[in-house]
Amino acid sequence: MRFFSDNAAPAHPAVMEAMTAANRLDTAYDGDALSKRLDAAFSDLFETDVTALWVTTGTAANCLALAAMVPPYGGVLCHREAHINVDEAGAPEFFSGGAKLLLVDGPGAKLTVDGVAETRGRIRADVHQTQPHALSITNASEYGLVYTAEETAALGEFAHTHKLGFHLDGARFANAVVSTGASPAELTWKAGVDALSFGFVKNGGLSAEALILFDRELADSVQRRRKRAGHLLSKGRYSAAQLLAMLDEEIWLTNARTANEAAQRLAEAARKRLVYPVQANEVFLRLTSAEAASLRAQGYDFYDWGTGEARLVTSWDQDLAAVDRLAAAIRAL
């Protein structure tokens, strides 16, 4: 009956088992055997050599990557509704020592090359205005829309043509991979992405996210910043164990498929109520206050999203019978 947030979902049993197995003597910080396996494991997944680091939150992953790309006097081009702007309490500015977020508009919280170019074009090249040093996108976006490999590549070409670092906030990257059918490589480095914040907590992890550096020259800066920011855990093997467990037998993909399928069942019921197409595991629909109250009276939990709208988020562990009951309740409104 819970559709409030995938952050509230439990950890996958394999994650808990992996942490128990890691509960033994090993080297501290990131020198343990499990942490040392991350580069190879994620290099296999992305079909190229990467540096893979564990961090505890998506905010840390986003901000460490951006801080390594952008000097304190620089800027980050991002969507006005991006998580780094709306929901990270100034953390990008804090981690970078003052870098400015340069806001771009676009439908469904997605950026387009034209939109980014228009915003960048309004910035004079003199010392009186903040110059962009990076471009950041979110896949899936804050409204559950996905970037295709082609859309990402177009933005990546723009970024590198203008000598911008290219960061991808992938809090729901697994859901985007499932939705598009593209490979992890096609949605990232093959499209020009330099750094990926690869979300696991929303998708069955417990307390670990992955920061994937395709531009491996960023690694030294990010590792030092991770320590300075208080994110270098002394028992990092427990974080590494979570990430490796999720990669094993492609649990990360299985979980995302379940969440996406549940969202599609709700989308089919909502139909003309939908505010945005449902492409990942978030459903935005129009509800009057009376309709929202009616659903809540039946035990369904969800988030009010502005006036007359609601957000439903499905999770990896969603009871599909409960999903179908909610779908029926929506149809009956």
Protein backbone atom coordinates (compact mmCIF):
# COMPACT_ATOMS: atom_id res chain seq x y z
CA MET A 1 0.00 0.00 0.00
CA ARG A 2 3.12 2.22 0.07
CA PHE A 3 3.78 4.40 -2.98
CA PHE A 4 5.42 7.37 -1.26
CA SER A 5 9.07 6.80 -2.18
CA ASP A 6 11.45 4.04 -3.28
CA ASN A 7 13.80 5.37 -0.59
CA ALA A 8 11.50 3.73 1.94
CA ALA A 9 11.81 0.25 0.44
CA PRO A 10 13.76 -2.41 2.35
CA ALA A 11 17.20 -3.61 1.34
CA HIS A 12 17.34 -6.67 -0.88
CA PRO A 13 18.07 -9.90 1.05
CA ALA A 14 21.22 -10.47 -1.02
CA VAL A 15 22.56 -7.13 0.21
CA MET A 16 22.02 -8.07 3.83
CA GLU A 17 23.63 -11.46 3.29
CA ALA A 18 26.63 -9.84 1.61
CA MET A 19 27.12 -7.48 4.53
CA THR A 20 27.01 -10.38 6.96
CA ALA A 21 29.60 -12.21 4.88
CA ALA A 22 31.78 -9.08 4.96
CA ASN A 23 31.63 -8.99 8.76
CA ARG A 24 35.16 -10.22 9.31
CA LEU A 25 38.63 -8.81 9.74
CA ASP A 26 40.00 -6.93 6.73
CA THR A 27 41.98 -3.81 5.89
CA ALA A 28 40.37 -0.47 6.78
CA TYR A 29 38.96 2.30 4.58
CA ASP A 30 38.96 1.28 0.90
CA GLY A 31 41.96 -1.04 1.00
CA ASP A 32 39.91 -4.16 1.69
CA ALA A 33 39.47 -7.03 -0.74
CA LEU A 34 35.88 -6.12 -1.63
CA SER A 35 36.59 -2.46 -2.35
CA LYS A 36 39.50 -3.48 -4.55
CA ARG A 37 37.11 -5.53 -6.70
CA LEU A 38 34.90 -2.58 -7.61
CA ASP A 39 36.97 -1.17 -10.50
CA ALA A 40 37.02 -4.53 -12.29
CA ALA A 41 33.37 -5.32 -11.59
CA PHE A 42 32.10 -2.00 -12.90
CA SER A 43 34.58 -1.99 -15.78
CA ASP A 44 33.02 -5.26 -16.91
CA LEU A 45 29.53 -3.82 -16.59
CA PHE A 46 30.36 -0.67 -18.57
CA GLU A 47 32.66 -2.36 -21.09
CA THR A 48 35.51 0.06 -20.43
CA ASP A 49 38.05 0.77 -17.71
CA VAL A 50 36.53 2.88 -14.92
CA THR A 51 37.31 3.97 -11.39
CA ALA A 52 34.44 2.95 -9.11
CA LEU A 53 34.09 4.39 -5.62
CA TRP A 54 31.53 3.75 -2.92
CA VAL A 55 29.87 6.69 -1.20
CA THR A 56 27.01 6.76 1.27
CA THR A 57 24.53 9.05 -0.49
CA GLY A 58 23.55 10.20 -3.94
CA THR A 59 24.12 13.77 -2.85
CA ALA A 60 27.73 12.94 -2.02
CA ALA A 61 28.21 11.17 -5.34
CA ASN A 62 26.79 14.10 -7.30
CA CYS A 63 28.71 16.75 -5.42
CA LEU A 64 32.08 15.00 -5.29
CA ALA A 65 31.96 14.51 -9.06
CA LEU A 66 30.95 18.11 -9.76
CA ALA A 67 33.50 19.53 -7.31
CA ALA A 68 36.25 17.69 -9.17
CA MET A 69 35.06 19.19 -12.47
CA VAL A 70 34.23 22.74 -11.44
CA PRO A 71 36.38 25.36 -9.66
CA PRO A 72 34.82 27.53 -6.92
CA TYR A 73 34.42 30.40 -9.39
CA GLY A 74 32.81 28.20 -12.06
CA GLY A 75 29.29 27.03 -12.82
CA VAL A 76 27.24 23.90 -13.55
CA LEU A 77 24.57 23.96 -16.24
CA CYS A 78 21.60 21.92 -14.98
CA HIS A 79 17.82 21.81 -15.16
CA ARG A 80 15.88 24.15 -12.90
CA GLU A 81 14.14 21.10 -11.39
CA ALA A 82 17.33 19.04 -11.03
CA HIS A 83 17.86 17.31 -7.71
CA ILE A 84 21.17 19.13 -7.27
CA ASN A 85 19.27 22.42 -7.38
CA VAL A 86 15.98 21.62 -5.64
CA ASP A 87 16.76 18.89 -3.11
CA GLU A 88 20.39 19.03 -2.03
CA ALA A 89 20.32 22.07 0.27
CA GLY A 90 23.23 23.85 -1.40
CA ALA A 91 25.51 20.80 -1.22
CA PRO A 92 26.98 21.31 -4.72
CA GLU A 93 28.03 24.82 -3.73
CA PHE A 94 29.33 23.55 -0.38
CA PHE A 95 31.41 20.67 -1.81
CA SER A 96 32.83 22.82 -4.62
CA GLY A 97 33.63 25.79 -2.44
CA GLY A 98 31.14 28.07 -4.10
CA ALA A 99 30.44 26.99 -7.69
CA LYS A 100 27.17 28.35 -9.05
CA LEU A 101 24.31 26.36 -10.56
CA LEU A 102 23.27 27.82 -13.92
CA LEU A 103 19.63 26.90 -14.41
CA VAL A 104 18.11 25.71 -17.68
CA ASP A 105 14.44 25.09 -18.49
CA GLY A 106 13.03 22.11 -20.36
CA PRO A 107 9.88 19.96 -20.39
CA GLY A 108 9.67 17.11 -17.90
CA ALA A 109 12.87 18.23 -16.14
CA LYS A 110 14.89 17.15 -19.18
CA LEU A 111 17.53 19.24 -20.93
CA THR A 112 17.85 19.70 -24.67
CA VAL A 113 20.86 20.90 -26.62
CA ASP A 114 18.91 23.97 -27.74
CA GLY A 115 17.92 24.83 -24.18
CA VAL A 116 21.44 24.43 -22.85
CA ALA A 117 22.88 26.42 -25.75
CA GLU A 118 20.42 29.25 -25.17
CA THR A 119 21.34 29.54 -21.49
CA ARG A 120 25.05 29.30 -22.19
CA GLY A 121 24.71 31.84 -24.97
CA ARG A 122 23.37 34.43 -22.54
CA ILE A 123 26.51 34.22 -20.41
CA ARG A 124 29.12 36.80 -21.36
CA ALA A 125 32.71 35.61 -21.48
CA ASP A 126 33.98 38.43 -19.28
CA VAL A 127 35.09 38.24 -15.65
CA HIS A 128 31.79 39.64 -14.38
CA GLN A 129 29.77 36.48 -15.04
CA THR A 130 30.15 32.86 -13.90
CA GLN A 131 31.51 30.64 -16.65
CA PRO A 132 30.13 27.09 -17.01
CA HIS A 133 32.57 24.24 -16.44
CA ALA A 134 30.20 21.28 -16.36
CA LEU A 135 26.85 20.04 -17.59
CA SER A 136 24.70 17.81 -15.35
CA ILE A 137 21.64 15.78 -16.33
CA THR A 138 19.44 13.32 -14.43
CA ASN A 139 18.40 9.97 -15.90
CA ALA A 140 15.62 9.22 -15.14
CA SER A 141 14.59 12.85 -14.63
CA GLU A 142 12.82 14.23 -11.58
CA TYR A 143 9.54 13.62 -13.43
CA GLY A 144 10.37 10.07 -14.39
CA LEU A 145 11.33 10.76 -18.01
CA VAL A 146 14.35 9.02 -19.49
CA TYR A 147 17.10 10.21 -21.79
CA THR A 148 17.74 7.89 -24.70
CA ALA A 149 21.30 7.09 -25.70
CA GLU A 150 20.90 9.46 -28.65
CA GLU A 151 19.65 12.33 -26.48
CA THR A 152 22.48 11.81 -24.01
CA ALA A 153 25.04 11.67 -26.82
CA ALA A 154 23.79 14.96 -28.27
CA LEU A 155 24.26 16.64 -24.91
CA GLY A 156 27.62 14.94 -24.48
CA GLU A 157 28.80 16.27 -27.83
CA PHE A 158 27.71 19.77 -26.83
CA ALA A 159 29.49 19.47 -23.48
CA HIS A 160 32.79 18.37 -24.91
CA THR A 161 32.63 20.79 -27.83
CA HIS A 162 32.44 23.56 -25.24
CA LYS A 163 35.01 21.93 -22.93
CA LEU A 164 32.48 21.13 -20.21
CA GLY A 165 32.64 18.14 -17.91
CA PHE A 166 29.56 15.91 -18.33
CA HIS A 167 27.95 14.50 -15.17
CA LEU A 168 24.98 12.15 -14.99
CA ASP A 169 22.89 11.92 -11.83
CA GLY A 170 21.69 8.33 -12.00
CA ALA A 171 19.72 7.96 -8.79
CA ARG A 172 17.32 5.86 -10.90
CA PHE A 173 19.82 4.88 -13.59
CA ALA A 174 18.76 1.23 -13.40
CA ASN A 175 15.18 2.19 -14.23
CA ALA A 176 16.41 4.22 -17.21
CA VAL A 177 18.47 1.28 -18.50
CA VAL A 178 15.44 -1.01 -18.31
CA SER A 179 13.14 1.57 -19.90
CA THR A 180 15.36 2.44 -22.86
CA GLY A 181 16.75 -1.03 -23.51
CA ALA A 182 20.15 0.60 -24.04
CA SER A 183 23.27 -0.77 -22.42
CA PRO A 184 24.88 0.98 -19.46
CA ALA A 185 27.76 1.87 -21.77
CA GLU A 186 25.47 3.42 -24.40
CA LEU A 187 23.80 5.63 -21.80
CA THR A 188 27.10 6.83 -20.31
CA TRP A 189 30.65 6.95 -21.63
CA LYS A 190 29.73 6.11 -25.21
CA ALA A 191 27.50 9.21 -25.04
CA GLY A 192 30.28 11.35 -23.57
CA VAL A 193 29.50 11.07 -19.84
CA ASP A 194 32.56 11.68 -17.65
CA ALA A 195 31.10 10.74 -14.27
CA LEU A 196 28.00 8.82 -13.18
CA SER A 197 26.31 8.86 -9.80
CA PHE A 198 24.96 5.29 -9.95
CA GLY A 199 22.05 4.88 -7.55
CA PHE A 200 21.60 1.66 -5.58
CA VAL A 201 19.77 2.67 -2.40
CA LYS A 202 16.45 3.35 -4.17
CA ASN A 203 16.80 0.05 -6.01
CA GLY A 204 17.43 -2.37 -3.14
CA GLY A 205 20.66 -1.16 -1.57
CA LEU A 206 21.03 -0.20 2.07
CA SER A 207 23.60 2.57 2.49
CA ALA A 208 25.88 2.59 -0.53
CA GLU A 209 25.89 4.34 -3.90
CA ALA A 210 28.51 4.07 -6.63
CA LEU A 211 30.42 6.95 -8.17
CA ILE A 212 31.69 5.81 -11.56
CA LEU A 213 34.47 7.84 -13.15
CA PHE A 214 34.86 7.28 -16.88
CA ASP A 215 37.33 10.16 -16.95
CA ARG A 216 39.81 8.45 -14.66
CA GLU A 217 41.89 11.62 -14.35
CA LEU A 218 39.21 12.80 -11.91
CA ALA A 219 39.92 9.91 -9.55
CA ASP A 220 42.68 11.41 -7.42
CA SER A 221 40.74 14.63 -6.84
CA VAL A 222 37.53 12.77 -6.02
CA GLN A 223 39.26 10.40 -3.59
CA ARG A 224 40.88 13.26 -1.71
CA ARG A 225 37.63 15.21 -1.65
CA ARG A 226 35.77 12.14 -0.38
CA LYS A 227 38.12 11.96 2.59
CA ARG A 228 37.98 15.71 3.25
CA ALA A 229 34.17 15.67 3.13
CA GLY A 230 33.95 12.91 5.75
CA HIS A 231 32.75 10.22 3.35
CA LEU A 232 35.73 7.85 3.54
CA LEU A 233 34.28 5.17 5.81
CA SER A 234 36.75 3.22 7.94
CA LYS A 235 34.88 -0.04 7.24
CA GLY A 236 34.29 0.47 3.55
CA ARG A 237 34.03 -3.24 2.90
CA TYR A 238 30.37 -3.14 3.99
CA SER A 239 29.60 -0.56 1.29
CA ALA A 240 31.54 -2.46 -1.34
CA ALA A 241 29.74 -5.67 -0.37
CA GLN A 242 26.38 -4.04 -1.10
CA LEU A 243 27.38 -2.86 -4.57
CA LEU A 244 28.90 -6.18 -5.56
CA ALA A 245 25.84 -8.06 -4.30
CA MET A 246 23.57 -5.91 -6.46
CA LEU A 247 25.70 -6.57 -9.55
CA ASP A 248 25.68 -10.30 -8.88
CA GLU A 249 23.13 -12.08 -11.08
CA GLU A 250 22.00 -8.62 -12.28
CA ILE A 251 19.85 -8.02 -9.21
CA TRP A 252 19.99 -4.28 -9.98
CA LEU A 253 18.28 -4.88 -13.32
CA THR A 254 15.72 -7.38 -11.98
CA ASN A 255 14.73 -4.93 -9.26
CA ALA A 256 14.35 -2.07 -11.72
CA ARG A 257 12.21 -4.20 -14.04
CA THR A 258 9.85 -5.00 -11.17
CA ALA A 259 9.51 -1.33 -10.21
CA ASN A 260 9.01 -0.22 -13.81
CA GLU A 261 6.39 -2.91 -14.43
CA ALA A 262 4.46 -1.81 -11.37
CA ALA A 263 4.52 1.79 -12.58
CA GLN A 264 3.22 0.74 -15.98
CA ARG A 265 0.24 -0.98 -14.36
CA LEU A 266 -0.63 2.25 -12.59
CA ALA A 267 -0.10 4.26 -15.77
CA GLU A 268 -2.55 2.07 -17.64
CA ALA A 269 -5.15 2.78 -14.97
CA ALA A 270 -4.44 6.52 -14.79
CA ARG A 271 -4.43 7.16 -18.56
CA LYS A 272 -5.82 10.69 -19.14
CA ARG A 273 -4.91 11.65 -15.58
CA LEU A 274 -1.20 11.34 -16.36
CA VAL A 275 0.82 14.55 -16.18
CA TYR A 276 3.87 12.95 -17.87
CA PRO A 277 4.41 9.71 -19.75
CA VAL A 278 5.51 6.92 -17.39
CA GLN A 279 8.97 5.80 -18.48
CA ALA A 280 10.56 4.63 -15.23
CA ASN A 281 9.08 4.02 -11.77
CA GLU A 282 7.37 7.35 -11.05
CA VAL A 283 3.76 8.15 -11.88
CA PHE A 284 2.52 11.76 -11.80
CA LEU A 285 -1.23 12.07 -12.07
CA ARG A 286 -4.00 14.60 -11.59
CA LEU A 287 -6.17 14.10 -8.51
CA THR A 288 -8.61 16.42 -6.82
CA SER A 289 -8.24 16.76 -3.06
CA ALA A 290 -11.36 14.63 -2.61
CA GLU A 291 -9.97 11.89 -4.86
CA ALA A 292 -6.65 11.93 -3.03
CA ALA A 293 -8.49 11.67 0.27
CA SER A 294 -10.49 8.74 -1.07
CA LEU A 295 -7.35 6.82 -2.03
CA ARG A 296 -5.72 7.57 1.32
CA ALA A 297 -8.84 6.38 3.13
CA GLN A 298 -8.32 3.04 1.40
CA GLY A 299 -4.80 2.88 2.85
CA TYR A 300 -2.66 4.10 -0.06
CA ASP A 301 0.36 6.27 0.73
CA PHE A 302 1.67 8.78 -1.82
CA TYR A 303 3.08 12.27 -2.15
CA ASP A 304 1.06 15.40 -2.99
CA TRP A 305 2.82 17.17 -5.86
CA GLY A 306 1.61 20.71 -6.19
CA THR A 307 -2.03 21.64 -6.57
CA GLY A 308 -4.22 18.88 -7.95
CA GLU A 309 -1.38 16.46 -8.64
CA ALA A 310 0.14 13.45 -6.90
CA ARG A 311 3.31 11.40 -7.29
CA LEU A 312 3.28 7.64 -6.95
CA VAL A 313 6.62 5.82 -6.79
CA THR A 314 6.91 2.07 -7.20
CA SER A 315 9.71 0.01 -5.68
CA TRP A 316 11.67 -3.18 -6.33
CA ASP A 317 9.74 -5.04 -3.63
CA GLN A 318 6.27 -3.81 -4.61
CA ASP A 319 3.44 -6.26 -4.01
CA LEU A 320 1.91 -6.46 -7.49
CA ALA A 321 -1.44 -7.47 -5.98
CA ALA A 322 -1.44 -4.17 -4.06
CA VAL A 323 -0.46 -2.38 -7.28
CA ASP A 324 -3.43 -3.90 -9.06
CA ARG A 325 -5.75 -2.91 -6.21
CA LEU A 326 -4.52 0.68 -6.44
CA ALA A 327 -4.96 0.60 -10.21
CA ALA A 328 -8.54 -0.53 -9.72
CA ALA A 329 -9.11 2.22 -7.16
CA ILE A 330 -7.80 4.84 -9.58
CA ARG A 331 -10.08 3.54 -12.33
CA ALA A 332 -13.03 3.72 -9.95
CA LEU A 333 -12.55 7.42 -9.11
